[in-house]
Structure formats: structure tokens, C-alpha cells
Amino acid sequence: MELILNFLYKKKIKLSEINRIFVNLGPGKFTSLRISLSIAKAISIANDAVLVGYKSKDLINKNYKNLVKLNNKKSLNNSLIKPIYSS
């Protein structure tokens, strides 16, 4: 959590200003996805923020703007978060 708070501090973003959180649902390693999802869910509950899940394939060439476009089109999952684990 300290890493996240340092990142927000450097970007001059207050935790209370977050109203939407994008979390990668995989595929990925079990522990990594569980930790990421747990932290995202905790922040979302604390701030009453919307938690939006996306799959790795939605992140084209590490371009996060694609996620915003997909979210605006209501193409991302924000009702039920189900990670996809890989071995």
C-alpha cells in the first residue's frame, strides 16, 4: 500500500479523489491477481469508487487510453470481478 500512496503523492492525487479503479483480471499468476484485486477492492470500498475489471488483451501496447474508451462504451466488466488465473 505504501507504494501506491507514494505514487499518488508524486502525481499529486489524493486517495479521496479516486472514483474509478481499473484492475487487471488476467490472465496472470494467482497471487499477483489476488493481491491486486484485494487492494483495489479495499480502496474502492473506502472511497465508494467504482471497480472496473479488464483483461490483459484490452490493454493494447500498454495504452491505458484504450481502457478509458472501452469503459465509455460500457465494454468493461464492473458488476462482477472474476480473475482469470494462469499456471
N, C-alpha and C. Protein backbone atom coordinates (compact mmCIF):
# COMPACT_ATOMS: atom_id res chain seq x y z
N MET A 1 0.83 -1.19 0.00
CA MET A 1 0.00 0.00 0.00
C MET A 1 0.87 1.26 0.00
N GLU A 2 2.03 1.16 0.64
CA GLU A 2 2.93 2.31 0.68
C GLU A 2 3.35 2.73 -0.73
N LEU A 3 3.59 1.76 -1.60
CA LEU A 3 3.97 2.03 -2.98
C LEU A 3 2.86 2.82 -3.70
N ILE A 4 1.63 2.43 -3.48
CA ILE A 4 0.50 3.12 -4.10
C ILE A 4 0.38 4.55 -3.58
N LEU A 5 0.50 4.70 -2.27
CA LEU A 5 0.41 6.04 -1.68
C LEU A 5 1.53 6.95 -2.16
N ASN A 6 2.75 6.41 -2.30
CA ASN A 6 3.86 7.20 -2.85
C ASN A 6 3.60 7.61 -4.29
N PHE A 7 3.05 6.70 -5.08
CA PHE A 7 2.71 7.01 -6.47
C PHE A 7 1.69 8.14 -6.52
N LEU A 8 0.64 8.04 -5.71
CA LEU A 8 -0.39 9.08 -5.69
C LEU A 8 0.18 10.41 -5.23
N TYR A 9 1.06 10.37 -4.25
CA TYR A 9 1.69 11.60 -3.76
C TYR A 9 2.50 12.28 -4.86
N LYS A 10 3.29 11.49 -5.59
CA LYS A 10 4.11 12.05 -6.68
C LYS A 10 3.25 12.63 -7.79
N LYS A 11 2.08 12.03 -8.03
CA LYS A 11 1.17 12.51 -9.08
C LYS A 11 0.21 13.58 -8.56
N LYS A 12 0.35 13.92 -7.27
CA LYS A 12 -0.49 14.94 -6.63
C LYS A 12 -1.98 14.58 -6.69
N ILE A 13 -2.26 13.31 -6.40
CA ILE A 13 -3.63 12.81 -6.37
C ILE A 13 -3.93 12.37 -4.94
N LYS A 14 -5.06 12.82 -4.43
CA LYS A 14 -5.48 12.38 -3.10
C LYS A 14 -6.28 11.10 -3.23
N LEU A 15 -6.11 10.21 -2.29
CA LEU A 15 -6.84 8.94 -2.30
C LEU A 15 -8.34 9.18 -2.35
N SER A 16 -8.80 10.22 -1.70
CA SER A 16 -10.24 10.54 -1.67
C SER A 16 -10.76 11.03 -3.03
N GLU A 17 -9.87 11.40 -3.95
CA GLU A 17 -10.29 11.88 -5.28
C GLU A 17 -10.54 10.74 -6.26
N ILE A 18 -10.17 9.53 -5.89
CA ILE A 18 -10.32 8.39 -6.80
C ILE A 18 -11.78 7.95 -6.80
N ASN A 19 -12.38 7.92 -7.99
CA ASN A 19 -13.78 7.50 -8.09
C ASN A 19 -13.98 6.29 -9.00
N ARG A 20 -12.91 5.86 -9.67
CA ARG A 20 -12.98 4.69 -10.55
C ARG A 20 -11.62 4.00 -10.53
N ILE A 21 -11.63 2.68 -10.35
CA ILE A 21 -10.39 1.92 -10.29
C ILE A 21 -10.45 0.82 -11.34
N PHE A 22 -9.44 0.77 -12.19
CA PHE A 22 -9.32 -0.29 -13.19
C PHE A 22 -8.37 -1.34 -12.66
N VAL A 23 -8.79 -2.61 -12.70
CA VAL A 23 -7.96 -3.69 -12.20
C VAL A 23 -7.88 -4.79 -13.26
N ASN A 24 -6.64 -5.27 -13.48
CA ASN A 24 -6.40 -6.32 -14.46
C ASN A 24 -6.90 -7.64 -13.93
N LEU A 25 -7.77 -8.30 -14.69
CA LEU A 25 -8.33 -9.58 -14.28
C LEU A 25 -7.54 -10.76 -14.81
N GLY A 26 -6.51 -10.51 -15.59
CA GLY A 26 -5.67 -11.61 -16.06
C GLY A 26 -5.79 -11.79 -17.55
N PRO A 27 -5.25 -12.87 -18.02
CA PRO A 27 -4.69 -13.96 -17.24
C PRO A 27 -3.41 -13.54 -16.52
N GLY A 28 -3.15 -14.22 -15.42
CA GLY A 28 -1.96 -13.92 -14.63
C GLY A 28 -1.80 -14.89 -13.48
N LYS A 29 -0.75 -14.70 -12.74
CA LYS A 29 -0.44 -15.55 -11.60
C LYS A 29 -1.46 -15.33 -10.49
N PHE A 30 -1.81 -16.42 -9.82
CA PHE A 30 -2.83 -16.41 -8.79
C PHE A 30 -2.56 -15.35 -7.72
N THR A 31 -1.39 -15.38 -7.12
CA THR A 31 -1.08 -14.48 -6.02
C THR A 31 -1.09 -13.02 -6.47
N SER A 32 -0.52 -12.74 -7.63
CA SER A 32 -0.48 -11.36 -8.13
C SER A 32 -1.88 -10.80 -8.34
N LEU A 33 -2.74 -11.59 -8.96
CA LEU A 33 -4.10 -11.12 -9.21
C LEU A 33 -4.88 -10.96 -7.91
N ARG A 34 -4.70 -11.88 -6.98
CA ARG A 34 -5.41 -11.79 -5.69
C ARG A 34 -5.01 -10.54 -4.92
N ILE A 35 -3.71 -10.25 -4.88
CA ILE A 35 -3.23 -9.07 -4.15
C ILE A 35 -3.74 -7.80 -4.82
N SER A 36 -3.60 -7.72 -6.14
CA SER A 36 -4.06 -6.53 -6.87
C SER A 36 -5.55 -6.30 -6.66
N LEU A 37 -6.32 -7.35 -6.78
CA LEU A 37 -7.76 -7.23 -6.64
C LEU A 37 -8.15 -6.86 -5.22
N SER A 38 -7.46 -7.41 -4.23
CA SER A 38 -7.76 -7.10 -2.83
C SER A 38 -7.50 -5.63 -2.51
N ILE A 39 -6.38 -5.12 -2.98
CA ILE A 39 -6.05 -3.70 -2.74
C ILE A 39 -7.04 -2.79 -3.47
N ALA A 40 -7.33 -3.12 -4.72
CA ALA A 40 -8.27 -2.31 -5.49
C ALA A 40 -9.65 -2.32 -4.84
N LYS A 41 -10.09 -3.49 -4.38
CA LYS A 41 -11.41 -3.59 -3.75
C LYS A 41 -11.45 -2.80 -2.44
N ALA A 42 -10.37 -2.86 -1.66
CA ALA A 42 -10.32 -2.11 -0.40
C ALA A 42 -10.41 -0.61 -0.65
N ILE A 43 -9.66 -0.12 -1.63
CA ILE A 43 -9.71 1.32 -1.96
C ILE A 43 -11.09 1.68 -2.48
N SER A 44 -11.67 0.80 -3.29
CA SER A 44 -13.00 1.06 -3.84
C SER A 44 -14.05 1.13 -2.74
N ILE A 45 -13.98 0.25 -1.76
CA ILE A 45 -14.94 0.27 -0.65
C ILE A 45 -14.74 1.52 0.20
N ALA A 46 -13.49 1.85 0.50
CA ALA A 46 -13.18 3.00 1.34
C ALA A 46 -13.63 4.32 0.71
N ASN A 47 -13.55 4.41 -0.61
CA ASN A 47 -13.88 5.67 -1.31
C ASN A 47 -15.20 5.63 -2.04
N ASP A 48 -15.92 4.52 -1.92
CA ASP A 48 -17.16 4.34 -2.67
C ASP A 48 -16.90 4.55 -4.16
N ALA A 49 -15.77 3.99 -4.63
CA ALA A 49 -15.36 4.11 -6.03
C ALA A 49 -15.84 2.90 -6.82
N VAL A 50 -16.03 3.09 -8.11
CA VAL A 50 -16.43 2.01 -9.00
C VAL A 50 -15.20 1.17 -9.33
N LEU A 51 -15.34 -0.13 -9.22
CA LEU A 51 -14.25 -1.06 -9.53
C LEU A 51 -14.54 -1.66 -10.90
N VAL A 52 -13.63 -1.46 -11.85
CA VAL A 52 -13.82 -1.92 -13.22
C VAL A 52 -12.73 -2.92 -13.57
N GLY A 53 -13.13 -4.10 -14.03
CA GLY A 53 -12.17 -5.12 -14.41
C GLY A 53 -11.93 -5.15 -15.91
N TYR A 54 -10.67 -5.39 -16.28
CA TYR A 54 -10.33 -5.54 -17.69
C TYR A 54 -9.41 -6.74 -17.84
N LYS A 55 -9.33 -7.26 -19.05
CA LYS A 55 -8.43 -8.37 -19.34
C LYS A 55 -7.18 -7.84 -20.01
N SER A 56 -6.09 -8.57 -19.89
CA SER A 56 -4.81 -8.13 -20.45
C SER A 56 -4.92 -7.77 -21.92
N LYS A 57 -5.74 -8.50 -22.66
CA LYS A 57 -5.88 -8.23 -24.10
C LYS A 57 -6.51 -6.87 -24.39
N ASP A 58 -7.22 -6.30 -23.40
CA ASP A 58 -7.83 -4.97 -23.58
C ASP A 58 -6.80 -3.85 -23.52
N LEU A 59 -5.63 -4.15 -22.96
CA LEU A 59 -4.58 -3.15 -22.80
C LEU A 59 -3.62 -3.29 -23.99
N ILE A 60 -3.95 -2.63 -25.07
CA ILE A 60 -3.19 -2.76 -26.32
C ILE A 60 -1.94 -1.89 -26.24
N ASN A 61 -0.77 -2.50 -26.40
CA ASN A 61 0.52 -1.79 -26.39
C ASN A 61 0.70 -0.89 -25.17
N LYS A 62 0.21 -1.35 -24.03
CA LYS A 62 0.30 -0.60 -22.77
C LYS A 62 -0.33 0.79 -22.88
N ASN A 63 -1.31 0.93 -23.75
CA ASN A 63 -2.01 2.20 -23.93
C ASN A 63 -3.26 2.21 -23.05
N TYR A 64 -3.16 2.88 -21.93
CA TYR A 64 -4.25 2.91 -20.97
C TYR A 64 -5.45 3.71 -21.48
N LYS A 65 -5.24 4.53 -22.48
CA LYS A 65 -6.36 5.29 -23.04
C LYS A 65 -7.40 4.36 -23.66
N ASN A 66 -6.95 3.18 -24.11
CA ASN A 66 -7.88 2.20 -24.67
C ASN A 66 -8.87 1.74 -23.60
N LEU A 67 -8.41 1.63 -22.36
CA LEU A 67 -9.31 1.23 -21.27
C LEU A 67 -10.40 2.28 -21.04
N VAL A 68 -10.02 3.54 -21.13
CA VAL A 68 -11.00 4.62 -20.95
C VAL A 68 -12.04 4.55 -22.07
N LYS A 69 -11.58 4.33 -23.30
CA LYS A 69 -12.52 4.21 -24.43
C LYS A 69 -13.47 3.05 -24.22
N LEU A 70 -12.93 1.88 -23.82
CA LEU A 70 -13.78 0.71 -23.58
C LEU A 70 -14.74 0.97 -22.44
N ASN A 71 -14.29 1.65 -21.41
CA ASN A 71 -15.17 1.96 -20.28
C ASN A 71 -16.30 2.89 -20.70
N ASN A 72 -15.99 3.87 -21.52
CA ASN A 72 -17.02 4.80 -22.01
C ASN A 72 -18.06 4.09 -22.86
N LYS A 73 -17.64 3.04 -23.56
CA LYS A 73 -18.56 2.25 -24.38
C LYS A 73 -19.30 1.20 -23.56
N LYS A 74 -19.01 1.15 -22.25
CA LYS A 74 -19.60 0.15 -21.34
C LYS A 74 -19.20 -1.27 -21.74
N SER A 75 -17.97 -1.43 -22.26
CA SER A 75 -17.48 -2.73 -22.70
C SER A 75 -16.68 -3.47 -21.64
N LEU A 76 -16.45 -2.84 -20.50
CA LEU A 76 -15.67 -3.49 -19.46
C LEU A 76 -16.59 -3.97 -18.34
N ASN A 77 -16.07 -4.93 -17.58
CA ASN A 77 -16.84 -5.56 -16.51
C ASN A 77 -16.78 -4.73 -15.23
N ASN A 78 -17.92 -4.25 -14.77
CA ASN A 78 -17.91 -3.53 -13.50
C ASN A 78 -18.98 -4.07 -12.55
N SER A 79 -19.55 -5.22 -12.87
CA SER A 79 -20.57 -5.77 -11.98
C SER A 79 -20.05 -6.96 -11.18
N LEU A 80 -19.26 -7.81 -11.78
CA LEU A 80 -18.75 -8.99 -11.10
C LEU A 80 -17.29 -9.19 -11.50
N ILE A 81 -16.41 -9.10 -10.53
CA ILE A 81 -14.99 -9.23 -10.80
C ILE A 81 -14.59 -10.69 -10.63
N LYS A 82 -14.16 -11.34 -11.72
CA LYS A 82 -13.74 -12.74 -11.68
C LYS A 82 -12.37 -12.85 -12.34
N PRO A 83 -11.31 -12.98 -11.56
CA PRO A 83 -9.97 -13.08 -12.13
C PRO A 83 -9.79 -14.36 -12.95
N ILE A 84 -8.89 -14.28 -13.92
CA ILE A 84 -8.53 -15.43 -14.74
C ILE A 84 -7.11 -15.82 -14.39
N TYR A 85 -6.96 -16.93 -13.70
CA TYR A 85 -5.64 -17.35 -13.23
C TYR A 85 -4.94 -18.21 -14.28
N SER A 86 -3.62 -18.12 -14.30
CA SER A 86 -2.82 -18.99 -15.15
C SER A 86 -1.79 -19.71 -14.29
N SER A 87 -1.23 -20.75 -14.84
CA SER A 87 -0.24 -21.50 -14.04
C SER A 87 1.17 -21.16 -14.43
